[in-house]
Amino acid sequence: MLDNAVTWFGVTIENALQERVKTGMGRDVEYKPRYSLARLLDEDFRLPRPLQEAEPNNNPWAPFLSWIGKNGSGVRMYKYQAPGEEKMQ
């Protein structure tokens, strides 16, 4: 159990150290670290919560319903539109 906690902590810190922020424009673009190691190891510092992922569609028939054209299947359909082709209304 302790091994899992130490591994999770190490992965979390390493991922946070890899985050970069883009600064500057044009040729002067630089990518600077978002967090420093000292900041991450500070007792009062808290990483922001990750974004909540969308709830997965648990309907096993969703791909089939989408394929036959039923609405409400939960599967998004995209139609190819060639470049230069205008949308018909």
N, C-alpha and C. Protein backbone atom coordinates (compact mmCIF):
# COMPACT_ATOMS: atom_id res chain seq x y z
N MET A 1 0.82 -1.19 0.00
CA MET A 1 0.00 0.00 0.00
C MET A 1 0.87 1.26 0.00
N LEU A 2 1.91 1.24 0.78
CA LEU A 2 2.82 2.38 0.83
C LEU A 2 3.52 2.56 -0.51
N ASP A 3 3.87 1.46 -1.17
CA ASP A 3 4.50 1.55 -2.48
C ASP A 3 3.60 2.27 -3.48
N ASN A 4 2.31 1.96 -3.46
CA ASN A 4 1.37 2.61 -4.37
C ASN A 4 1.26 4.10 -4.08
N ALA A 5 1.25 4.48 -2.81
CA ALA A 5 1.14 5.89 -2.44
C ALA A 5 2.39 6.66 -2.88
N VAL A 6 3.55 6.06 -2.68
CA VAL A 6 4.80 6.73 -3.07
C VAL A 6 4.88 6.85 -4.59
N THR A 7 4.47 5.81 -5.31
CA THR A 7 4.47 5.86 -6.77
C THR A 7 3.51 6.92 -7.27
N TRP A 8 2.30 6.96 -6.72
CA TRP A 8 1.30 7.96 -7.12
C TRP A 8 1.83 9.37 -6.87
N PHE A 9 2.43 9.59 -5.71
CA PHE A 9 2.98 10.91 -5.39
C PHE A 9 4.08 11.29 -6.38
N GLY A 10 4.97 10.37 -6.68
CA GLY A 10 6.06 10.64 -7.61
C GLY A 10 5.55 10.96 -9.01
N VAL A 11 4.59 10.20 -9.49
CA VAL A 11 4.03 10.43 -10.83
C VAL A 11 3.32 11.78 -10.88
N THR A 12 2.59 12.12 -9.83
CA THR A 12 1.87 13.39 -9.78
C THR A 12 2.85 14.56 -9.80
N ILE A 13 3.89 14.50 -9.01
CA ILE A 13 4.89 15.57 -8.97
C ILE A 13 5.61 15.66 -10.32
N GLU A 14 5.98 14.53 -10.88
CA GLU A 14 6.69 14.54 -12.17
C GLU A 14 5.81 15.12 -13.28
N ASN A 15 4.54 14.76 -13.31
CA ASN A 15 3.63 15.31 -14.33
C ASN A 15 3.46 16.82 -14.16
N ALA A 16 3.35 17.28 -12.92
CA ALA A 16 3.21 18.71 -12.67
C ALA A 16 4.47 19.46 -13.10
N LEU A 17 5.63 18.86 -12.90
CA LEU A 17 6.88 19.51 -13.31
C LEU A 17 7.01 19.60 -14.83
N GLN A 18 6.32 18.73 -15.55
CA GLN A 18 6.38 18.73 -17.02
C GLN A 18 5.44 19.75 -17.65
N GLU A 19 4.49 20.29 -16.89
CA GLU A 19 3.55 21.28 -17.45
C GLU A 19 4.29 22.56 -17.79
N ARG A 20 3.97 23.11 -18.96
CA ARG A 20 4.63 24.32 -19.45
C ARG A 20 3.59 25.38 -19.79
N VAL A 21 4.01 26.65 -19.71
CA VAL A 21 3.17 27.78 -20.07
C VAL A 21 3.87 28.51 -21.21
N LYS A 22 3.12 28.79 -22.27
CA LYS A 22 3.67 29.48 -23.44
C LYS A 22 3.71 30.98 -23.14
N THR A 23 4.89 31.57 -23.31
CA THR A 23 5.02 33.02 -23.13
C THR A 23 5.66 33.61 -24.36
N GLY A 24 5.31 34.84 -24.67
CA GLY A 24 5.87 35.52 -25.83
C GLY A 24 5.08 35.24 -27.10
N MET A 25 5.49 35.94 -28.16
CA MET A 25 4.82 35.78 -29.45
C MET A 25 5.85 35.75 -30.57
N GLY A 26 5.46 35.18 -31.69
CA GLY A 26 6.34 35.14 -32.86
C GLY A 26 7.58 34.31 -32.60
N ARG A 27 8.73 34.91 -32.88
CA ARG A 27 10.00 34.20 -32.67
C ARG A 27 10.45 34.18 -31.22
N ASP A 28 9.81 34.99 -30.40
CA ASP A 28 10.19 35.08 -28.99
C ASP A 28 9.38 34.15 -28.09
N VAL A 29 8.84 33.10 -28.66
CA VAL A 29 8.03 32.16 -27.88
C VAL A 29 8.94 31.33 -26.98
N GLU A 30 8.55 31.27 -25.72
CA GLU A 30 9.27 30.44 -24.75
C GLU A 30 8.24 29.61 -23.98
N TYR A 31 8.65 28.45 -23.56
CA TYR A 31 7.81 27.60 -22.74
C TYR A 31 8.47 27.49 -21.37
N LYS A 32 7.81 28.08 -20.38
CA LYS A 32 8.37 28.09 -19.03
C LYS A 32 7.58 27.12 -18.15
N PRO A 33 8.25 26.53 -17.16
CA PRO A 33 7.55 25.60 -16.27
C PRO A 33 6.43 26.30 -15.51
N ARG A 34 5.31 25.62 -15.37
CA ARG A 34 4.17 26.19 -14.64
C ARG A 34 4.43 26.16 -13.13
N TYR A 35 5.06 25.11 -12.65
CA TYR A 35 5.31 24.95 -11.22
C TYR A 35 6.81 24.70 -11.00
N SER A 36 7.31 25.20 -9.88
CA SER A 36 8.69 24.87 -9.50
C SER A 36 8.63 23.74 -8.47
N LEU A 37 9.73 23.03 -8.31
CA LEU A 37 9.76 21.92 -7.35
C LEU A 37 9.52 22.44 -5.94
N ALA A 38 10.09 23.60 -5.62
CA ALA A 38 9.89 24.17 -4.28
C ALA A 38 8.42 24.48 -4.04
N ARG A 39 7.74 24.99 -5.07
CA ARG A 39 6.32 25.30 -4.93
C ARG A 39 5.50 24.03 -4.76
N LEU A 40 5.83 22.99 -5.51
CA LEU A 40 5.09 21.73 -5.41
C LEU A 40 5.27 21.06 -4.05
N LEU A 41 6.43 21.20 -3.46
CA LEU A 41 6.71 20.56 -2.17
C LEU A 41 6.31 21.40 -0.97
N ASP A 42 5.82 22.62 -1.21
CA ASP A 42 5.36 23.48 -0.13
C ASP A 42 4.10 22.86 0.49
N GLU A 43 4.01 22.87 1.82
CA GLU A 43 2.88 22.24 2.52
C GLU A 43 1.55 22.90 2.20
N ASP A 44 1.55 24.19 1.93
CA ASP A 44 0.30 24.92 1.71
C ASP A 44 -0.16 24.90 0.26
N PHE A 45 0.66 24.38 -0.66
CA PHE A 45 0.30 24.39 -2.07
C PHE A 45 -0.62 23.22 -2.40
N ARG A 46 -1.63 23.50 -3.23
CA ARG A 46 -2.55 22.46 -3.70
C ARG A 46 -2.65 22.54 -5.21
N LEU A 47 -2.51 21.41 -5.89
CA LEU A 47 -2.71 21.37 -7.33
C LEU A 47 -4.18 21.58 -7.64
N PRO A 48 -4.51 22.24 -8.75
CA PRO A 48 -5.93 22.39 -9.10
C PRO A 48 -6.55 21.04 -9.43
N ARG A 49 -7.85 20.95 -9.24
CA ARG A 49 -8.55 19.71 -9.56
C ARG A 49 -8.52 19.47 -11.06
N PRO A 50 -8.40 18.23 -11.48
CA PRO A 50 -8.48 17.95 -12.92
C PRO A 50 -9.90 18.17 -13.42
N LEU A 51 -10.04 18.43 -14.71
CA LEU A 51 -11.36 18.62 -15.29
C LEU A 51 -12.15 17.32 -15.21
N GLN A 52 -13.43 17.43 -14.97
CA GLN A 52 -14.29 16.25 -14.92
C GLN A 52 -14.51 15.72 -16.33
N GLU A 53 -14.37 14.44 -16.50
CA GLU A 53 -14.59 13.83 -17.80
C GLU A 53 -16.08 13.58 -18.00
N ALA A 54 -16.49 13.58 -19.24
CA ALA A 54 -17.89 13.32 -19.55
C ALA A 54 -18.25 11.90 -19.13
N GLU A 55 -19.48 11.73 -18.73
CA GLU A 55 -19.93 10.41 -18.32
C GLU A 55 -20.03 9.50 -19.54
N PRO A 56 -19.42 8.34 -19.49
CA PRO A 56 -19.46 7.46 -20.66
C PRO A 56 -20.87 6.91 -20.89
N ASN A 57 -21.18 6.65 -22.14
CA ASN A 57 -22.47 6.07 -22.49
C ASN A 57 -22.35 4.56 -22.29
N ASN A 58 -23.13 4.04 -21.37
CA ASN A 58 -23.04 2.62 -21.05
C ASN A 58 -24.00 1.75 -21.85
N ASN A 59 -24.60 2.31 -22.87
CA ASN A 59 -25.53 1.55 -23.68
C ASN A 59 -24.75 0.68 -24.66
N PRO A 60 -24.79 -0.65 -24.53
CA PRO A 60 -24.01 -1.50 -25.44
C PRO A 60 -24.56 -1.47 -26.87
N TRP A 61 -25.80 -1.02 -27.04
CA TRP A 61 -26.41 -0.98 -28.36
C TRP A 61 -26.20 0.37 -29.06
N ALA A 62 -25.53 1.32 -28.42
CA ALA A 62 -25.37 2.66 -28.97
C ALA A 62 -24.75 2.68 -30.37
N PRO A 63 -23.66 1.95 -30.63
CA PRO A 63 -23.11 1.98 -31.99
C PRO A 63 -24.09 1.45 -33.04
N PHE A 64 -24.83 0.40 -32.69
CA PHE A 64 -25.80 -0.16 -33.63
C PHE A 64 -26.94 0.83 -33.88
N LEU A 65 -27.47 1.43 -32.80
CA LEU A 65 -28.55 2.41 -32.95
C LEU A 65 -28.11 3.60 -33.79
N SER A 66 -26.88 4.02 -33.59
CA SER A 66 -26.35 5.12 -34.39
C SER A 66 -26.23 4.72 -35.85
N TRP A 67 -25.78 3.49 -36.09
CA TRP A 67 -25.58 3.00 -37.45
C TRP A 67 -26.89 2.95 -38.23
N ILE A 68 -27.98 2.58 -37.56
CA ILE A 68 -29.27 2.51 -38.25
C ILE A 68 -29.99 3.86 -38.25
N GLY A 69 -29.38 4.88 -37.65
CA GLY A 69 -29.93 6.23 -37.72
C GLY A 69 -30.93 6.59 -36.65
N LYS A 70 -30.94 5.88 -35.55
CA LYS A 70 -31.87 6.20 -34.46
C LYS A 70 -31.32 7.36 -33.63
N ASN A 71 -32.18 8.31 -33.32
CA ASN A 71 -31.78 9.41 -32.45
C ASN A 71 -31.72 8.93 -31.00
N GLY A 72 -30.91 9.61 -30.20
CA GLY A 72 -30.81 9.26 -28.79
C GLY A 72 -29.87 8.11 -28.51
N SER A 73 -29.05 7.73 -29.48
CA SER A 73 -28.13 6.62 -29.25
C SER A 73 -26.95 7.05 -28.39
N GLY A 74 -26.69 8.38 -28.33
CA GLY A 74 -25.56 8.88 -27.55
C GLY A 74 -24.28 8.91 -28.33
N VAL A 75 -24.29 8.48 -29.59
CA VAL A 75 -23.11 8.48 -30.43
C VAL A 75 -23.21 9.67 -31.38
N ARG A 76 -22.16 10.46 -31.46
CA ARG A 76 -22.16 11.61 -32.35
C ARG A 76 -21.79 11.18 -33.76
N MET A 77 -22.52 11.71 -34.71
CA MET A 77 -22.25 11.41 -36.12
C MET A 77 -21.69 12.67 -36.78
N TYR A 78 -20.66 12.50 -37.57
CA TYR A 78 -20.07 13.59 -38.31
C TYR A 78 -20.13 13.26 -39.79
N LYS A 79 -20.41 14.26 -40.59
CA LYS A 79 -20.51 14.06 -42.02
C LYS A 79 -19.36 14.80 -42.68
N TYR A 80 -18.67 14.15 -43.59
CA TYR A 80 -17.54 14.76 -44.28
C TYR A 80 -18.03 15.87 -45.20
N GLN A 81 -17.35 17.00 -45.14
CA GLN A 81 -17.65 18.10 -46.03
C GLN A 81 -16.35 18.49 -46.71
N ALA A 82 -16.31 18.36 -48.02
CA ALA A 82 -15.10 18.65 -48.78
C ALA A 82 -14.76 20.13 -48.67
N PRO A 83 -13.46 20.47 -48.71
CA PRO A 83 -13.07 21.88 -48.66
C PRO A 83 -13.70 22.65 -49.82
N GLY A 84 -14.22 23.82 -49.52
CA GLY A 84 -14.83 24.65 -50.55
C GLY A 84 -16.30 24.35 -50.78
N GLU A 85 -16.78 23.26 -50.23
CA GLU A 85 -18.17 22.88 -50.37
C GLU A 85 -18.98 23.60 -49.30
N GLU A 86 -19.98 24.37 -49.71
CA GLU A 86 -20.75 25.13 -48.75
C GLU A 86 -21.87 24.29 -48.19
N LYS A 87 -22.24 24.63 -46.97
CA LYS A 87 -23.31 23.91 -46.30
C LYS A 87 -24.65 24.29 -46.91
N MET A 88 -25.47 23.33 -47.28
CA MET A 88 -26.78 23.61 -47.85
C MET A 88 -27.78 23.82 -46.72
N GLN A 89 -28.63 24.82 -46.90
CA GLN A 89 -29.62 25.11 -45.86
C GLN A 89 -31.00 24.96 -46.41
